[in-house]
């Protein structure tokens, strides 16, 4: 028998000590409400089976939400543009049906720290309906990977503040700066190289789930990448390595713990510095990751609030290529609110 989840029109959320610490100005914590819902769907994300389950979710939303609008992305960074256009329209809940790339696009539309007017119209909470292949954010917060079960969990969940990572780089010789926010991780080196390769993948590889394409091209890349040494600073202290991952989340590429010290709600970044260069050194790091779900000793962890990177490398944010180094990694000054499932 099917069970239909219900949600009271408005839920007043308790404010924990962590919320107070992360919200020193005392800004209002948004309440979870289905009064006006915007559902953003990436029709190309993940498997057809997962996408088919959206029909049941939409059917329930049409009955439960006072107002519902559904928009479908059709191009890269379409979700960012659409959310920017609509974020001031009084929504009470954003829902994302897609993978981590779609989530990244949405959060980049939700927050704009260069726009003073954005303080007057804070974005509503964001709920995740995981229809991608990796679903790193859903795994990170303990959300079921089945879209319908995730939807049920969200309806009894709690909106909590998280702080996004922010990448700043010089966009052109005139000195103009470009910003890109990330939820899970960003970095430069081998992972940036593979992310760029994945984005340029052939039509044949586009028929394969994206997470598997990362594994395939990542394995090939071990033997063709040149492993230049990159230079990093974390709060002024200097480091070198062949890859630097700036992590907000613990997990990488599914269930694998790459940055055990990271916390989405913490007010600091973790630089995961890969010291060795070459296929053998990387195998020494990756094999423990695959079999024990934790990386080998070749990864050095450095905590900091400002991380800078320079050298010959490509930057990515949540798997989306941004451009070449140098770059500066910081935290957003304002949080967004993410709907977490109720702890079991």
C-alpha atoms as a PDB file:
ATOM      1  CA  UNK A   1       0.000   0.000   0.000  1.00  0.00           C
ATOM      2  CA  UNK A   2       1.277   3.426  -0.880  1.00  0.00           C
ATOM      3  CA  UNK A   3       1.642   5.938   1.891  1.00  0.00           C
ATOM      4  CA  UNK A   4       1.112   9.601   1.132  1.00  0.00           C
ATOM      5  CA  UNK A   5       3.326  11.951   3.141  1.00  0.00           C
ATOM      6  CA  UNK A   6       1.727  15.008   4.671  1.00  0.00           C
ATOM      7  CA  UNK A   7       3.146  18.283   5.889  1.00  0.00           C
ATOM      8  CA  UNK A   8       1.510  20.949   8.018  1.00  0.00           C
ATOM      9  CA  UNK A   9       1.242  24.296   6.185  1.00  0.00           C
ATOM     10  CA  UNK A  10       4.054  25.745   8.280  1.00  0.00           C
ATOM     11  CA  UNK A  11       6.624  24.310  10.655  1.00  0.00           C
ATOM     12  CA  UNK A  12       8.477  26.470  13.148  1.00  0.00           C
ATOM     13  CA  UNK A  13      12.011  25.184  13.399  1.00  0.00           C
ATOM     14  CA  UNK A  14      13.982  25.023  16.646  1.00  0.00           C
ATOM     15  CA  UNK A  15      17.195  27.049  16.725  1.00  0.00           C
ATOM     16  CA  UNK A  16      20.099  24.992  18.004  1.00  0.00           C
ATOM     17  CA  UNK A  17      23.310  26.316  19.548  1.00  0.00           C
ATOM     18  CA  UNK A  18      25.085  25.687  16.226  1.00  0.00           C
ATOM     19  CA  UNK A  19      22.494  27.774  14.353  1.00  0.00           C
ATOM     20  CA  UNK A  20      23.039  30.601  16.849  1.00  0.00           C
ATOM     21  CA  UNK A  21      26.798  30.374  16.399  1.00  0.00           C
ATOM     22  CA  UNK A  22      26.529  30.356  12.604  1.00  0.00           C
ATOM     23  CA  UNK A  23      23.915  33.085  12.631  1.00  0.00           C
ATOM     24  CA  UNK A  24      25.348  35.747  14.971  1.00  0.00           C
ATOM     25  CA  UNK A  25      23.265  38.556  13.485  1.00  0.00           C
ATOM     26  CA  UNK A  26      20.097  36.754  14.501  1.00  0.00           C
ATOM     27  CA  UNK A  27      18.654  36.532  10.988  1.00  0.00           C
ATOM     28  CA  UNK A  28      15.363  34.653  10.727  1.00  0.00           C
ATOM     29  CA  UNK A  29      15.683  30.908  10.182  1.00  0.00           C
ATOM     30  CA  UNK A  30      13.296  30.081   7.304  1.00  0.00           C
ATOM     31  CA  UNK A  31      10.336  27.844   8.059  1.00  0.00           C
ATOM     32  CA  UNK A  32       9.575  24.801   5.943  1.00  0.00           C
ATOM     33  CA  UNK A  33       6.387  25.381   3.994  1.00  0.00           C
ATOM     34  CA  UNK A  34       4.658  24.108   0.850  1.00  0.00           C
ATOM     35  CA  UNK A  35       2.860  27.408   0.303  1.00  0.00           C
ATOM     36  CA  UNK A  36       4.821  28.257  -2.883  1.00  0.00           C
ATOM     37  CA  UNK A  37       7.179  25.620  -4.307  1.00  0.00           C
ATOM     38  CA  UNK A  38       9.603  25.887  -7.221  1.00  0.00           C
ATOM     39  CA  UNK A  39      10.736  22.493  -8.563  1.00  0.00           C
ATOM     40  CA  UNK A  40      13.820  22.570 -10.828  1.00  0.00           C
ATOM     41  CA  UNK A  41      14.267  19.386 -12.866  1.00  0.00           C
ATOM     42  CA  UNK A  42      17.302  18.311 -14.872  1.00  0.00           C
ATOM     43  CA  UNK A  43      15.691  15.898 -17.365  1.00  0.00           C
ATOM     44  CA  UNK A  44      19.113  14.526 -18.380  1.00  0.00           C
ATOM     45  CA  UNK A  45      20.365  13.637 -14.896  1.00  0.00           C
ATOM     46  CA  UNK A  46      20.781  10.057 -13.761  1.00  0.00           C
ATOM     47  CA  UNK A  47      18.772   7.021 -14.774  1.00  0.00           C
ATOM     48  CA  UNK A  48      15.404   6.894 -16.474  1.00  0.00           C
ATOM     49  CA  UNK A  49      14.043   4.813 -13.570  1.00  0.00           C
ATOM     50  CA  UNK A  50      14.823   7.553 -11.057  1.00  0.00           C
ATOM     51  CA  UNK A  51      13.363  10.250 -13.284  1.00  0.00           C
ATOM     52  CA  UNK A  52      10.140   8.243 -13.682  1.00  0.00           C
ATOM     53  CA  UNK A  53       9.622   8.393  -9.906  1.00  0.00           C
ATOM     54  CA  UNK A  54       9.304  12.168 -10.173  1.00  0.00           C
ATOM     55  CA  UNK A  55       5.797  11.714 -11.551  1.00  0.00           C
ATOM     56  CA  UNK A  56       4.563  10.427  -8.201  1.00  0.00           C
ATOM     57  CA  UNK A  57       6.274  13.303  -6.380  1.00  0.00           C
ATOM     58  CA  UNK A  58       4.789  15.899  -8.711  1.00  0.00           C
ATOM     59  CA  UNK A  59       1.354  14.320  -8.309  1.00  0.00           C
ATOM     60  CA  UNK A  60       1.597  14.747  -4.533  1.00  0.00           C
ATOM     61  CA  UNK A  61       2.976  18.286  -4.797  1.00  0.00           C
ATOM     62  CA  UNK A  62       0.071  19.348  -7.013  1.00  0.00           C
ATOM     63  CA  UNK A  63      -2.305  18.340  -4.189  1.00  0.00           C
ATOM     64  CA  UNK A  64      -0.225  19.481  -1.216  1.00  0.00           C
ATOM     65  CA  UNK A  65       1.356  22.739  -2.383  1.00  0.00           C
ATOM     66  CA  UNK A  66      -0.719  25.912  -2.511  1.00  0.00           C
ATOM     67  CA  UNK A  67       1.322  26.994  -5.537  1.00  0.00           C
ATOM     68  CA  UNK A  68       3.702  24.866  -7.640  1.00  0.00           C
ATOM     69  CA  UNK A  69       5.863  25.770 -10.616  1.00  0.00           C
ATOM     70  CA  UNK A  70       8.045  23.227 -12.437  1.00  0.00           C
ATOM     71  CA  UNK A  71      10.917  24.282 -14.664  1.00  0.00           C
ATOM     72  CA  UNK A  72      13.168  22.024 -16.728  1.00  0.00           C
ATOM     73  CA  UNK A  73      16.787  22.800 -17.538  1.00  0.00           C
ATOM     74  CA  UNK A  74      17.859  22.570 -21.169  1.00  0.00           C
ATOM     75  CA  UNK A  75      21.497  23.726 -21.153  1.00  0.00           C
ATOM     76  CA  UNK A  76      24.596  24.056 -18.984  1.00  0.00           C
ATOM     77  CA  UNK A  77      24.100  26.603 -16.144  1.00  0.00           C
ATOM     78  CA  UNK A  78      20.450  26.957 -17.125  1.00  0.00           C
ATOM     79  CA  UNK A  79      19.426  26.338 -13.509  1.00  0.00           C
ATOM     80  CA  UNK A  80      21.603  29.234 -12.295  1.00  0.00           C
ATOM     81  CA  UNK A  81      19.951  31.637 -14.727  1.00  0.00           C
ATOM     82  CA  UNK A  82      16.408  30.439 -13.964  1.00  0.00           C
ATOM     83  CA  UNK A  83      16.825  30.621 -10.180  1.00  0.00           C
ATOM     84  CA  UNK A  84      18.352  34.115 -10.390  1.00  0.00           C
ATOM     85  CA  UNK A  85      15.341  35.249 -12.391  1.00  0.00           C
ATOM     86  CA  UNK A  86      12.842  33.763  -9.937  1.00  0.00           C
ATOM     87  CA  UNK A  87      14.484  33.902  -6.498  1.00  0.00           C
ATOM     88  CA  UNK A  88      12.732  37.162  -5.477  1.00  0.00           C
ATOM     89  CA  UNK A  89       9.236  35.877  -6.231  1.00  0.00           C
ATOM     90  CA  UNK A  90       8.296  34.820  -2.707  1.00  0.00           C
ATOM     91  CA  UNK A  91       9.006  31.090  -2.867  1.00  0.00           C
ATOM     92  CA  UNK A  92       8.811  29.111   0.373  1.00  0.00           C
ATOM     93  CA  UNK A  93      10.726  26.062  -0.901  1.00  0.00           C
ATOM     94  CA  UNK A  94      13.097  25.200  -3.746  1.00  0.00           C
ATOM     95  CA  UNK A  95      13.280  21.549  -4.794  1.00  0.00           C
ATOM     96  CA  UNK A  96      16.056  20.197  -7.005  1.00  0.00           C
ATOM     97  CA  UNK A  97      15.545  17.008  -9.016  1.00  0.00           C
ATOM     98  CA  UNK A  98      19.008  16.278 -10.364  1.00  0.00           C
ATOM     99  CA  UNK A  99      22.559  15.443  -9.386  1.00  0.00           C
ATOM    100  CA  UNK A 100      25.343  17.390  -7.716  1.00  0.00           C
ATOM    101  CA  UNK A 101      26.020  19.430 -10.859  1.00  0.00           C
ATOM    102  CA  UNK A 102      22.413  20.646 -10.933  1.00  0.00           C
ATOM    103  CA  UNK A 103      22.564  21.453  -7.212  1.00  0.00           C
ATOM    104  CA  UNK A 104      25.712  23.501  -7.827  1.00  0.00           C
ATOM    105  CA  UNK A 105      23.949  25.485 -10.526  1.00  0.00           C
ATOM    106  CA  UNK A 106      20.948  26.148  -8.273  1.00  0.00           C
ATOM    107  CA  UNK A 107      22.960  27.378  -5.274  1.00  0.00           C
ATOM    108  CA  UNK A 108      24.878  29.725  -7.565  1.00  0.00           C
ATOM    109  CA  UNK A 109      21.527  31.241  -8.462  1.00  0.00           C
ATOM    110  CA  UNK A 110      20.335  31.386  -4.847  1.00  0.00           C
ATOM    111  CA  UNK A 111      23.202  33.449  -3.440  1.00  0.00           C
ATOM    112  CA  UNK A 112      24.748  36.678  -4.703  1.00  0.00           C
ATOM    113  CA  UNK A 113      26.939  38.408  -2.141  1.00  0.00           C
ATOM    114  CA  UNK A 114      27.809  41.159  -4.615  1.00  0.00           C
ATOM    115  CA  UNK A 115      24.151  42.259  -4.723  1.00  0.00           C
ATOM    116  CA  UNK A 116      23.184  44.336  -1.629  1.00  0.00           C
ATOM    117  CA  UNK A 117      19.500  43.791  -2.440  1.00  0.00           C
ATOM    118  CA  UNK A 118      19.880  40.033  -1.893  1.00  0.00           C
ATOM    119  CA  UNK A 119      19.891  40.652   1.893  1.00  0.00           C
ATOM    120  CA  UNK A 120      16.320  41.920   1.625  1.00  0.00           C
ATOM    121  CA  UNK A 121      15.042  38.790  -0.145  1.00  0.00           C
ATOM    122  CA  UNK A 122      16.790  35.719   1.310  1.00  0.00           C
ATOM    123  CA  UNK A 123      16.347  32.490  -0.618  1.00  0.00           C
ATOM    124  CA  UNK A 124      14.011  29.783   0.696  1.00  0.00           C
ATOM    125  CA  UNK A 125      15.290  26.414   1.906  1.00  0.00           C
ATOM    126  CA  UNK A 126      16.549  23.958  -0.702  1.00  0.00           C
ATOM    127  CA  UNK A 127      15.415  20.333  -0.727  1.00  0.00           C
ATOM    128  CA  UNK A 128      17.146  17.607  -2.750  1.00  0.00           C
ATOM    129  CA  UNK A 129      15.415  14.915  -4.814  1.00  0.00           C
ATOM    130  CA  UNK A 130      18.433  12.806  -5.840  1.00  0.00           C
ATOM    131  CA  UNK A 131      18.085  11.693  -9.470  1.00  0.00           C
ATOM    132  CA  UNK A 132      21.799  11.906 -10.373  1.00  0.00           C
ATOM    133  CA  UNK A 133      24.397   9.118 -10.389  1.00  0.00           C
ATOM    134  CA  UNK A 134      26.803  10.184  -7.623  1.00  0.00           C
ATOM    135  CA  UNK A 135      24.379  12.125  -5.384  1.00  0.00           C
ATOM    136  CA  UNK A 136      27.198  13.232  -3.102  1.00  0.00           C
ATOM    137  CA  UNK A 137      25.198  15.867  -1.222  1.00  0.00           C
ATOM    138  CA  UNK A 138      22.302  13.475  -0.559  1.00  0.00           C
ATOM    139  CA  UNK A 139      24.755  10.924   0.839  1.00  0.00           C
ATOM    140  CA  UNK A 140      26.500  13.601   2.895  1.00  0.00           C
ATOM    141  CA  UNK A 141      23.340  14.629   4.768  1.00  0.00           C
ATOM    142  CA  UNK A 142      21.913  11.105   5.114  1.00  0.00           C
ATOM    143  CA  UNK A 143      19.108  11.505   2.581  1.00  0.00           C
ATOM    144  CA  UNK A 144      17.729   8.329   0.944  1.00  0.00           C
ATOM    145  CA  UNK A 145      18.933   7.913  -2.639  1.00  0.00           C
ATOM    146  CA  UNK A 146      15.502   6.839  -3.873  1.00  0.00           C
ATOM    147  CA  UNK A 147      13.724  10.079  -4.975  1.00  0.00           C
ATOM    148  CA  UNK A 148      10.341   9.137  -3.474  1.00  0.00           C
ATOM    149  CA  UNK A 149      11.854   8.117  -0.128  1.00  0.00           C
ATOM    150  CA  UNK A 150      13.948  11.295  -0.169  1.00  0.00           C
ATOM    151  CA  UNK A 151      10.797  13.346  -0.738  1.00  0.00           C
ATOM    152  CA  UNK A 152       9.099  11.683   2.222  1.00  0.00           C
ATOM    153  CA  UNK A 153      12.154  12.396   4.385  1.00  0.00           C
ATOM    154  CA  UNK A 154      12.233  16.055   3.316  1.00  0.00           C
ATOM    155  CA  UNK A 155       8.610  16.617   4.326  1.00  0.00           C
ATOM    156  CA  UNK A 156       9.493  15.840   7.942  1.00  0.00           C
ATOM    157  CA  UNK A 157      12.957  17.392   7.717  1.00  0.00           C
ATOM    158  CA  UNK A 158      14.578  20.511   9.102  1.00  0.00           C
ATOM    159  CA  UNK A 159      16.142  23.457   7.284  1.00  0.00           C
ATOM    160  CA  UNK A 160      19.690  24.064   8.518  1.00  0.00           C
ATOM    161  CA  UNK A 161      22.244  26.706   7.488  1.00  0.00           C
ATOM    162  CA  UNK A 162      25.282  25.650   5.481  1.00  0.00           C
ATOM    163  CA  UNK A 163      28.085  27.877   4.231  1.00  0.00           C
ATOM    164  CA  UNK A 164      29.192  27.503   0.644  1.00  0.00           C
ATOM    165  CA  UNK A 165      32.740  27.476  -0.579  1.00  0.00           C
ATOM    166  CA  UNK A 166      33.598  30.326  -2.930  1.00  0.00           C
ATOM    167  CA  UNK A 167      36.211  30.304  -5.701  1.00  0.00           C
ATOM    168  CA  UNK A 168      37.497  33.657  -6.937  1.00  0.00           C
ATOM    169  CA  UNK A 169      39.737  33.980  -9.949  1.00  0.00           C
ATOM    170  CA  UNK A 170      40.799  36.699 -12.363  1.00  0.00           C
ATOM    171  CA  UNK A 171      38.549  36.362 -15.396  1.00  0.00           C
ATOM    172  CA  UNK A 172      40.516  38.534 -17.846  1.00  0.00           C
ATOM    173  CA  UNK A 173      43.638  40.756 -18.081  1.00  0.00           C
ATOM    174  CA  UNK A 174      41.635  43.834 -17.060  1.00  0.00           C
ATOM    175  CA  UNK A 175      41.520  42.465 -13.524  1.00  0.00           C
ATOM    176  CA  UNK A 176      37.794  41.608 -13.416  1.00  0.00           C
ATOM    177  CA  UNK A 177      37.050  38.927 -10.807  1.00  0.00           C
ATOM    178  CA  UNK A 178      34.752  35.942 -11.294  1.00  0.00           C
ATOM    179  CA  UNK A 179      33.148  34.037  -8.407  1.00  0.00           C
ATOM    180  CA  UNK A 180      31.753  30.534  -8.305  1.00  0.00           C
ATOM    181  CA  UNK A 181      30.234  28.861  -5.260  1.00  0.00           C
ATOM    182  CA  UNK A 182      30.472  25.166  -4.424  1.00  0.00           C
ATOM    183  CA  UNK A 183      28.696  22.876  -1.970  1.00  0.00           C
ATOM    184  CA  UNK A 184      30.898  19.782  -1.778  1.00  0.00           C
ATOM    185  CA  UNK A 185      34.403  20.428  -3.043  1.00  0.00           C
ATOM    186  CA  UNK A 186      36.595  22.359  -5.431  1.00  0.00           C
ATOM    187  CA  UNK A 187      40.222  22.095  -6.356  1.00  0.00           C
ATOM    188  CA  UNK A 188      42.967  21.986  -8.929  1.00  0.00           C
ATOM    189  CA  UNK A 189      45.359  19.394 -10.247  1.00  0.00           C
ATOM    190  CA  UNK A 190      44.456  15.869 -11.267  1.00  0.00           C
ATOM    191  CA  UNK A 191      40.761  16.180 -10.336  1.00  0.00           C
ATOM    192  CA  UNK A 192      40.435  19.429 -12.315  1.00  0.00           C
ATOM    193  CA  UNK A 193      42.067  17.743 -15.296  1.00  0.00           C
ATOM    194  CA  UNK A 194      39.635  14.804 -15.159  1.00  0.00           C
ATOM    195  CA  UNK A 195      36.605  17.100 -14.661  1.00  0.00           C
ATOM    196  CA  UNK A 196      37.528  19.020 -17.798  1.00  0.00           C
ATOM    197  CA  UNK A 197      37.937  15.780 -19.719  1.00  0.00           C
ATOM    198  CA  UNK A 198      34.525  14.571 -18.536  1.00  0.00           C
ATOM    199  CA  UNK A 199      32.883  17.795 -19.725  1.00  0.00           C
ATOM    200  CA  UNK A 200      34.431  17.301 -23.185  1.00  0.00           C
ATOM    201  CA  UNK A 201      33.473  13.611 -23.380  1.00  0.00           C
ATOM    202  CA  UNK A 202      32.243  12.123 -26.641  1.00  0.00           C
ATOM    203  CA  UNK A 203      28.634  11.416 -27.574  1.00  0.00           C
ATOM    204  CA  UNK A 204      29.223   7.711 -26.876  1.00  0.00           C
ATOM    205  CA  UNK A 205      30.415   8.375 -23.309  1.00  0.00           C
ATOM    206  CA  UNK A 206      27.420  10.655 -22.715  1.00  0.00           C
ATOM    207  CA  UNK A 207      25.251   7.543 -22.840  1.00  0.00           C
ATOM    208  CA  UNK A 208      27.077   6.188 -19.764  1.00  0.00           C
ATOM    209  CA  UNK A 209      26.221   7.423 -16.229  1.00  0.00           C
ATOM    210  CA  UNK A 210      28.436  10.386 -15.438  1.00  0.00           C
ATOM    211  CA  UNK A 211      29.902   8.850 -12.285  1.00  0.00           C
ATOM    212  CA  UNK A 212      31.181   5.876 -14.305  1.00  0.00           C
ATOM    213  CA  UNK A 213      32.675   8.250 -16.870  1.00  0.00           C
ATOM    214  CA  UNK A 214      34.661   9.864 -14.032  1.00  0.00           C
ATOM    215  CA  UNK A 215      36.040   6.448 -13.029  1.00  0.00           C
ATOM    216  CA  UNK A 216      36.889   5.473 -16.621  1.00  0.00           C
ATOM    217  CA  UNK A 217      38.564   8.742 -17.598  1.00  0.00           C
ATOM    218  CA  UNK A 218      40.166   9.045 -14.176  1.00  0.00           C
ATOM    219  CA  UNK A 219      41.865   5.683 -14.616  1.00  0.00           C
ATOM    220  CA  UNK A 220      43.119   6.604 -18.098  1.00  0.00           C
ATOM    221  CA  UNK A 221      44.182  10.020 -16.833  1.00  0.00           C
ATOM    222  CA  UNK A 222      46.531   8.464 -14.288  1.00  0.00           C
ATOM    223  CA  UNK A 223      48.819   7.511 -17.180  1.00  0.00           C
ATOM    224  CA  UNK A 224      48.569  10.662 -19.334  1.00  0.00           C
ATOM    225  CA  UNK A 225      48.415  13.505 -16.778  1.00  0.00           C
ATOM    226  CA  UNK A 226      51.757  15.351 -16.362  1.00  0.00           C
ATOM    227  CA  UNK A 227      51.476  15.978 -12.585  1.00  0.00           C
ATOM    228  CA  UNK A 228      52.870  19.532 -12.345  1.00  0.00           C
ATOM    229  CA  UNK A 229      53.646  20.729  -8.814  1.00  0.00           C
ATOM    230  CA  UNK A 230      51.100  23.267  -7.555  1.00  0.00           C
ATOM    231  CA  UNK A 231      51.607  25.873  -4.834  1.00  0.00           C
ATOM    232  CA  UNK A 232      49.064  26.497  -2.071  1.00  0.00           C
ATOM    233  CA  UNK A 233      48.742  28.743   0.953  1.00  0.00           C
ATOM    234  CA  UNK A 234      46.306  28.183   3.834  1.00  0.00           C
ATOM    235  CA  UNK A 235      45.924  31.256   6.045  1.00  0.00           C
ATOM    236  CA  UNK A 236      49.400  32.343   4.916  1.00  0.00           C
ATOM    237  CA  UNK A 237      51.253  29.037   5.447  1.00  0.00           C
ATOM    238  CA  UNK A 238      52.783  27.552   2.257  1.00  0.00           C
ATOM    239  CA  UNK A 239      52.397  24.021   0.882  1.00  0.00           C
ATOM    240  CA  UNK A 240      53.081  22.169  -2.368  1.00  0.00           C
ATOM    241  CA  UNK A 241      51.498  19.135  -3.963  1.00  0.00           C
ATOM    242  CA  UNK A 242      50.354  17.660  -7.247  1.00  0.00           C
ATOM    243  CA  UNK A 243      46.651  18.125  -6.414  1.00  0.00           C
ATOM    244  CA  UNK A 244      44.763  20.224  -3.904  1.00  0.00           C
ATOM    245  CA  UNK A 245      41.116  19.522  -3.078  1.00  0.00           C
ATOM    246  CA  UNK A 246      39.307  22.191  -1.050  1.00  0.00           C
ATOM    247  CA  UNK A 247      36.582  20.225   0.701  1.00  0.00           C
ATOM    248  CA  UNK A 248      33.365  21.252   2.396  1.00  0.00           C
ATOM    249  CA  UNK A 249      32.032  17.678   2.522  1.00  0.00           C
ATOM    250  CA  UNK A 250      33.486  14.409   3.801  1.00  0.00           C
ATOM    251  CA  UNK A 251      32.501  12.217   0.856  1.00  0.00           C
ATOM    252  CA  UNK A 252      33.801  12.061  -2.704  1.00  0.00           C
ATOM    253  CA  UNK A 253      32.606  10.052  -5.757  1.00  0.00           C
ATOM    254  CA  UNK A 254      29.769   8.421  -3.844  1.00  0.00           C
ATOM    255  CA  UNK A 255      30.345   6.692  -0.463  1.00  0.00           C
ATOM    256  CA  UNK A 256      34.106   7.263  -0.213  1.00  0.00           C
ATOM    257  CA  UNK A 257      35.383   9.388   2.693  1.00  0.00           C
ATOM    258  CA  UNK A 258      38.087  11.656   1.298  1.00  0.00           C
ATOM    259  CA  UNK A 259      38.039  14.503   3.834  1.00  0.00           C
ATOM    260  CA  UNK A 260      37.058  13.097   7.258  1.00  0.00           C
ATOM    261  CA  UNK A 261      37.508  16.480   8.978  1.00  0.00           C
ATOM    262  CA  UNK A 262      35.051  18.375   6.748  1.00  0.00           C
ATOM    263  CA  UNK A 263      31.609  19.578   7.821  1.00  0.00           C
ATOM    264  CA  UNK A 264      29.145  21.445   5.592  1.00  0.00           C
ATOM    265  CA  UNK A 265      28.135  23.625   8.530  1.00  0.00           C
ATOM    266  CA  UNK A 266      31.635  24.491   9.773  1.00  0.00           C
ATOM    267  CA  UNK A 267      33.128  27.962   9.252  1.00  0.00           C
ATOM    268  CA  UNK A 268      36.404  26.727   7.771  1.00  0.00           C
ATOM    269  CA  UNK A 269      37.746  24.925   4.703  1.00  0.00           C
ATOM    270  CA  UNK A 270      39.834  21.755   4.570  1.00  0.00           C
ATOM    271  CA  UNK A 271      42.684  21.610   2.035  1.00  0.00           C
ATOM    272  CA  UNK A 272      43.313  17.975   1.086  1.00  0.00           C
ATOM    273  CA  UNK A 273      46.817  18.032  -0.321  1.00  0.00           C
ATOM    274  CA  UNK A 274      47.974  15.105  -2.451  1.00  0.00           C
ATOM    275  CA  UNK A 275      51.752  14.990  -2.164  1.00  0.00           C
ATOM    276  CA  UNK A 276      52.949  12.243  -4.555  1.00  0.00           C
ATOM    277  CA  UNK A 277      53.102  12.573  -8.341  1.00  0.00           C
ATOM    278  CA  UNK A 278      52.704   9.868 -10.949  1.00  0.00           C
ATOM    279  CA  UNK A 279      50.497   6.791 -11.338  1.00  0.00           C
ATOM    280  CA  UNK A 280      52.174   4.729  -8.604  1.00  0.00           C
ATOM    281  CA  UNK A 281      51.821   7.473  -6.013  1.00  0.00           C
ATOM    282  CA  UNK A 282      48.176   7.975  -6.879  1.00  0.00           C
ATOM    283  CA  UNK A 283      47.469   4.254  -6.773  1.00  0.00           C
ATOM    284  CA  UNK A 284      48.865   4.303  -3.229  1.00  0.00           C
ATOM    285  CA  UNK A 285      46.256   6.905  -2.356  1.00  0.00           C
ATOM    286  CA  UNK A 286      43.314   5.516  -4.348  1.00  0.00           C
ATOM    287  CA  UNK A 287      43.471   1.824  -3.488  1.00  0.00           C
ATOM    288  CA  UNK A 288      42.790   2.404   0.238  1.00  0.00           C
ATOM    289  CA  UNK A 289      40.016   4.817  -0.825  1.00  0.00           C
ATOM    290  CA  UNK A 290      38.369   2.114  -2.933  1.00  0.00           C
ATOM    291  CA  UNK A 291      38.766  -0.783  -0.501  1.00  0.00           C
ATOM    292  CA  UNK A 292      38.651   0.948   2.911  1.00  0.00           C
ATOM    293  CA  UNK A 293      36.686   4.013   1.743  1.00  0.00           C
ATOM    294  CA  UNK A 294      39.413   6.255   3.159  1.00  0.00           C
ATOM    295  CA  UNK A 295      42.508   7.604   1.347  1.00  0.00           C
ATOM    296  CA  UNK A 296      46.043   6.530   2.119  1.00  0.00           C
ATOM    297  CA  UNK A 297      48.700   8.468   4.032  1.00  0.00           C
ATOM    298  CA  UNK A 298      49.614  10.389   0.863  1.00  0.00           C
ATOM    299  CA  UNK A 299      46.915  12.991   1.663  1.00  0.00           C
ATOM    300  CA  UNK A 300      47.774  15.846   4.036  1.00  0.00           C
ATOM    301  CA  UNK A 301      44.893  17.780   5.631  1.00  0.00           C
ATOM    302  CA  UNK A 302      45.176  21.511   6.376  1.00  0.00           C
ATOM    303  CA  UNK A 303      42.391  23.628   7.876  1.00  0.00           C
ATOM    304  CA  UNK A 304      42.046  27.275   6.880  1.00  0.00           C
ATOM    305  CA  UNK A 305      39.651  30.100   6.104  1.00  0.00           C
ATOM    306  CA  UNK A 306      41.526  31.457   3.076  1.00  0.00           C
ATOM    307  CA  UNK A 307      43.263  29.083   0.662  1.00  0.00           C
ATOM    308  CA  UNK A 308      45.124  30.227  -2.432  1.00  0.00           C
ATOM    309  CA  UNK A 309      46.392  28.085  -5.304  1.00  0.00           C
ATOM    310  CA  UNK A 310      48.810  28.819  -8.151  1.00  0.00           C
ATOM    311  CA  UNK A 311      50.592  26.898 -10.863  1.00  0.00           C
ATOM    312  CA  UNK A 312      49.687  25.049 -14.031  1.00  0.00           C
ATOM    313  CA  UNK A 313      46.284  23.550 -13.353  1.00  0.00           C
ATOM    314  CA  UNK A 314      42.562  23.664 -14.057  1.00  0.00           C
ATOM    315  CA  UNK A 315      40.052  24.572 -11.336  1.00  0.00           C
ATOM    316  CA  UNK A 316      36.748  22.787 -10.845  1.00  0.00           C
ATOM    317  CA  UNK A 317      33.881  23.357  -8.417  1.00  0.00           C
ATOM    318  CA  UNK A 318      31.601  20.391  -7.645  1.00  0.00           C
ATOM    319  CA  UNK A 319      32.950  18.738 -10.799  1.00  0.00           C
ATOM    320  CA  UNK A 320      32.213  21.723 -13.079  1.00  0.00           C
ATOM    321  CA  UNK A 321      35.260  23.266 -14.790  1.00  0.00           C
ATOM    322  CA  UNK A 322      35.850  26.946 -14.012  1.00  0.00           C
ATOM    323  CA  UNK A 323      39.167  27.791 -15.664  1.00  0.00           C
ATOM    324  CA  UNK A 324      42.937  27.915 -15.055  1.00  0.00           C
ATOM    325  CA  UNK A 325      44.782  28.861 -11.879  1.00  0.00           C
ATOM    326  CA  UNK A 326      45.473  31.053  -9.914  1.00  0.00           C
ATOM    327  CA  UNK A 327      42.473  31.054  -7.599  1.00  0.00           C
ATOM    328  CA  UNK A 328      41.413  31.975  -4.080  1.00  0.00           C
ATOM    329  CA  UNK A 329      39.083  29.796  -2.005  1.00  0.00           C
ATOM    330  CA  UNK A 330      37.016  31.260   0.837  1.00  0.00           C
ATOM    331  CA  UNK A 331      33.636  30.737   2.513  1.00  0.00           C
ATOM    332  CA  UNK A 332      30.420  32.557   1.741  1.00  0.00           C
ATOM    333  CA  UNK A 333      29.605  35.212   4.308  1.00  0.00           C
ATOM    334  CA  UNK A 334      25.919  34.294   4.295  1.00  0.00           C
ATOM    335  CA  UNK A 335      24.479  30.785   4.547  1.00  0.00           C
ATOM    336  CA  UNK A 336      21.899  29.079   2.440  1.00  0.00           C
ATOM    337  CA  UNK A 337      19.391  26.754   4.093  1.00  0.00           C
ATOM    338  CA  UNK A 338      19.384  23.077   3.187  1.00  0.00           C
ATOM    339  CA  UNK A 339      16.636  20.657   4.229  1.00  0.00           C
ATOM    340  CA  UNK A 340      18.131  17.793   6.232  1.00  0.00           C
ATOM    341  CA  UNK A 341      16.189  14.592   6.972  1.00  0.00           C
ATOM    342  CA  UNK A 342      15.124  13.991  10.532  1.00  0.00           C
ATOM    343  CA  UNK A 343      17.742  11.857  12.338  1.00  0.00           C
ATOM    344  CA  UNK A 344      16.609   8.266  12.822  1.00  0.00           C
END
